[in-house]
Amino acid sequence: DGLACVFAGLVGGPPVTTYSEVTGAVSLTKVTSPAVIRIAAVTGIVFSVFGKISALLKSIPASVLGGIMLLLFGTIASLGMSNLIQNKVDLSNTRNMIIVSLILTFGIGGAAFEWGNFSMSGIGLAALLGVILNLILPTKESKA
């Protein structure tokens, strides 16, 4: 992934990244074969080059795509929660609960931050919020 980002920058391409959708799709299908991932990548490239195939994909009703997205993004959120549980994050701790709830609310709820020409929303904003909250919220409860 890192080499792909470097190469894209060297040839003047846009920034590239992996997307959490892939993690969700792999989790749903349980297909982890690199060959299948390569075939999916080549298929995606072919679909984007040929307009007739793109038109066919655009004919899929929005409600069908919406249902797929609900399942996919719900799976991504579930994977995140599963990761917290597997790593034994104490969700009875108020600090941890605040961080997790705000990340989920900002990420899923479509919150956006804008300042002048700068804007951030979605997963990026949720991740940044999580890092900031993790740094600024006290780790030990103060005794008053």
Protein backbone atom coordinates (compact mmCIF):
# COMPACT_ATOMS: atom_id res chain seq x y z
CA ASP A 1 0.00 0.00 0.00
CA GLY A 2 2.83 2.36 0.87
CA LEU A 3 4.59 1.72 -2.44
CA ALA A 4 1.34 2.33 -4.33
CA CYS A 5 0.99 5.71 -2.60
CA VAL A 6 4.59 6.64 -3.46
CA PHE A 7 4.16 5.54 -7.10
CA ALA A 8 0.90 7.47 -7.48
CA GLY A 9 2.61 10.61 -6.18
CA LEU A 10 5.62 10.14 -8.47
CA VAL A 11 3.49 9.88 -11.61
CA GLY A 12 1.28 12.82 -10.61
CA GLY A 13 -1.73 10.73 -9.69
CA PRO A 14 -4.23 11.41 -6.92
CA PRO A 15 -3.60 10.04 -3.43
CA VAL A 16 -4.46 6.38 -3.07
CA THR A 17 -5.42 4.38 -0.03
CA THR A 18 -7.03 1.16 1.01
CA TYR A 19 -10.64 1.44 2.07
CA SER A 20 -12.41 -0.10 5.02
CA GLU A 21 -15.08 -1.34 2.61
CA VAL A 22 -12.63 -4.06 1.57
CA THR A 23 -12.26 -5.15 5.18
CA GLY A 24 -16.04 -5.32 5.50
CA ALA A 25 -16.42 -7.27 2.26
CA VAL A 26 -13.73 -9.77 3.25
CA SER A 27 -15.37 -10.19 6.65
CA LEU A 28 -18.78 -10.80 5.08
CA THR A 29 -17.63 -13.24 2.39
CA LYS A 30 -14.76 -14.91 4.28
CA VAL A 31 -12.85 -14.91 0.97
CA THR A 32 -9.24 -13.96 1.71
CA SER A 33 -7.47 -15.39 -1.33
CA PRO A 34 -5.06 -12.87 -2.92
CA ALA A 35 -6.04 -14.24 -6.34
CA VAL A 36 -9.67 -13.27 -5.77
CA ILE A 37 -8.63 -9.79 -4.62
CA ARG A 38 -6.50 -9.38 -7.77
CA ILE A 39 -9.38 -10.53 -9.99
CA ALA A 40 -11.69 -8.04 -8.26
CA ALA A 41 -9.13 -5.25 -8.81
CA VAL A 42 -8.71 -6.03 -12.51
CA THR A 43 -12.48 -6.33 -12.91
CA GLY A 44 -12.95 -2.92 -11.28
CA ILE A 45 -10.41 -1.37 -13.63
CA VAL A 46 -12.04 -2.97 -16.69
CA PHE A 47 -15.48 -1.82 -15.54
CA SER A 48 -14.23 1.75 -15.18
CA VAL A 49 -12.71 1.81 -18.67
CA PHE A 50 -15.72 0.56 -20.62
CA GLY A 51 -18.65 2.97 -20.56
CA LYS A 52 -21.28 0.35 -21.39
CA ILE A 53 -20.36 -1.69 -18.32
CA SER A 54 -20.36 1.47 -16.19
CA ALA A 55 -23.83 2.31 -17.52
CA LEU A 56 -25.02 -1.17 -16.61
CA LEU A 57 -23.69 -0.77 -13.06
CA LYS A 58 -25.33 2.66 -12.80
CA SER A 59 -28.66 1.02 -13.61
CA ILE A 60 -28.64 -0.79 -10.25
CA PRO A 61 -31.40 0.87 -8.17
CA ALA A 62 -30.27 3.21 -5.41
CA SER A 63 -32.29 1.23 -2.87
CA VAL A 64 -30.32 -1.93 -3.69
CA LEU A 65 -27.01 -0.12 -3.36
CA GLY A 66 -28.25 1.53 -0.16
CA GLY A 67 -29.06 -1.87 1.32
CA ILE A 68 -25.62 -3.16 0.40
CA MET A 69 -23.99 -0.10 1.95
CA LEU A 70 -26.00 -0.49 5.17
CA LEU A 71 -24.77 -4.05 5.51
CA LEU A 72 -21.21 -3.19 4.55
CA PHE A 73 -20.75 -0.18 6.84
CA GLY A 74 -22.58 -1.93 9.66
CA THR A 75 -20.12 -4.79 9.30
CA ILE A 76 -17.21 -2.36 9.44
CA ALA A 77 -18.57 -0.86 12.69
CA SER A 78 -19.13 -4.37 14.07
CA LEU A 79 -15.54 -5.31 13.21
CA GLY A 80 -14.35 -2.28 15.12
CA MET A 81 -16.39 -3.27 18.15
CA SER A 82 -15.15 -6.86 17.85
CA ASN A 83 -11.59 -5.54 17.80
CA LEU A 84 -12.24 -3.57 21.00
CA ILE A 85 -13.68 -6.67 22.68
CA GLN A 86 -10.85 -8.96 21.55
CA ASN A 87 -8.30 -6.48 22.90
CA LYS A 88 -10.22 -6.32 26.18
CA VAL A 89 -10.89 -2.58 26.08
CA ASP A 90 -12.79 -1.73 29.26
CA LEU A 91 -16.03 -0.20 27.99
CA SER A 92 -17.29 0.21 31.55
CA ASN A 93 -14.65 2.96 31.85
CA THR A 94 -16.40 6.28 31.19
CA ARG A 95 -13.43 7.66 29.24
CA ASN A 96 -13.38 4.72 26.84
CA MET A 97 -17.16 4.81 26.42
CA ILE A 98 -17.06 8.52 25.54
CA ILE A 99 -14.33 7.96 22.94
CA VAL A 100 -16.07 4.98 21.32
CA SER A 101 -19.51 6.59 21.30
CA LEU A 102 -18.28 9.85 19.76
CA ILE A 103 -16.25 8.02 17.11
CA LEU A 104 -19.29 5.97 16.13
CA THR A 105 -21.64 8.96 16.20
CA PHE A 106 -19.34 11.19 14.13
CA GLY A 107 -18.37 8.41 11.71
CA ILE A 108 -21.81 6.94 11.11
CA GLY A 109 -23.86 10.08 11.68
CA GLY A 110 -22.23 12.04 8.88
CA ALA A 111 -20.83 14.86 11.00
CA ALA A 112 -18.66 17.38 9.16
CA PHE A 113 -16.11 19.96 10.28
CA GLU A 114 -15.48 22.99 8.10
CA TRP A 115 -13.09 25.86 8.60
CA GLY A 116 -12.58 28.19 5.65
CA ASN A 117 -11.65 26.05 2.65
CA PHE A 118 -10.81 23.07 4.86
CA SER A 119 -13.42 20.40 5.53
CA MET A 120 -13.34 16.94 7.04
CA SER A 121 -16.09 14.38 7.51
CA GLY A 122 -16.86 10.68 7.82
CA ILE A 123 -14.25 8.15 8.81
CA GLY A 124 -11.42 10.70 8.62
CA LEU A 125 -13.10 13.06 11.07
CA ALA A 126 -14.05 10.17 13.37
CA ALA A 127 -10.46 8.86 13.40
CA LEU A 128 -9.02 12.31 14.12
CA LEU A 129 -11.58 12.85 16.88
CA GLY A 130 -10.60 9.50 18.43
CA VAL A 131 -6.91 10.38 18.44
CA ILE A 132 -7.55 13.83 19.93
CA LEU A 133 -9.92 12.50 22.61
CA ASN A 134 -7.46 9.76 23.49
CA LEU A 135 -4.77 12.41 24.01
CA ILE A 136 -6.79 14.98 25.96
CA LEU A 137 -9.19 12.98 28.13
CA PRO A 138 -7.70 12.07 31.50
CA THR A 139 -6.74 8.42 31.85
CA LYS A 140 -7.46 8.22 35.58
CA GLU A 141 -10.64 9.37 37.23
CA SER A 142 -9.93 12.23 39.60
CA LYS A 143 -11.20 11.89 43.15
CA ALA A 144 -13.10 15.01 44.13
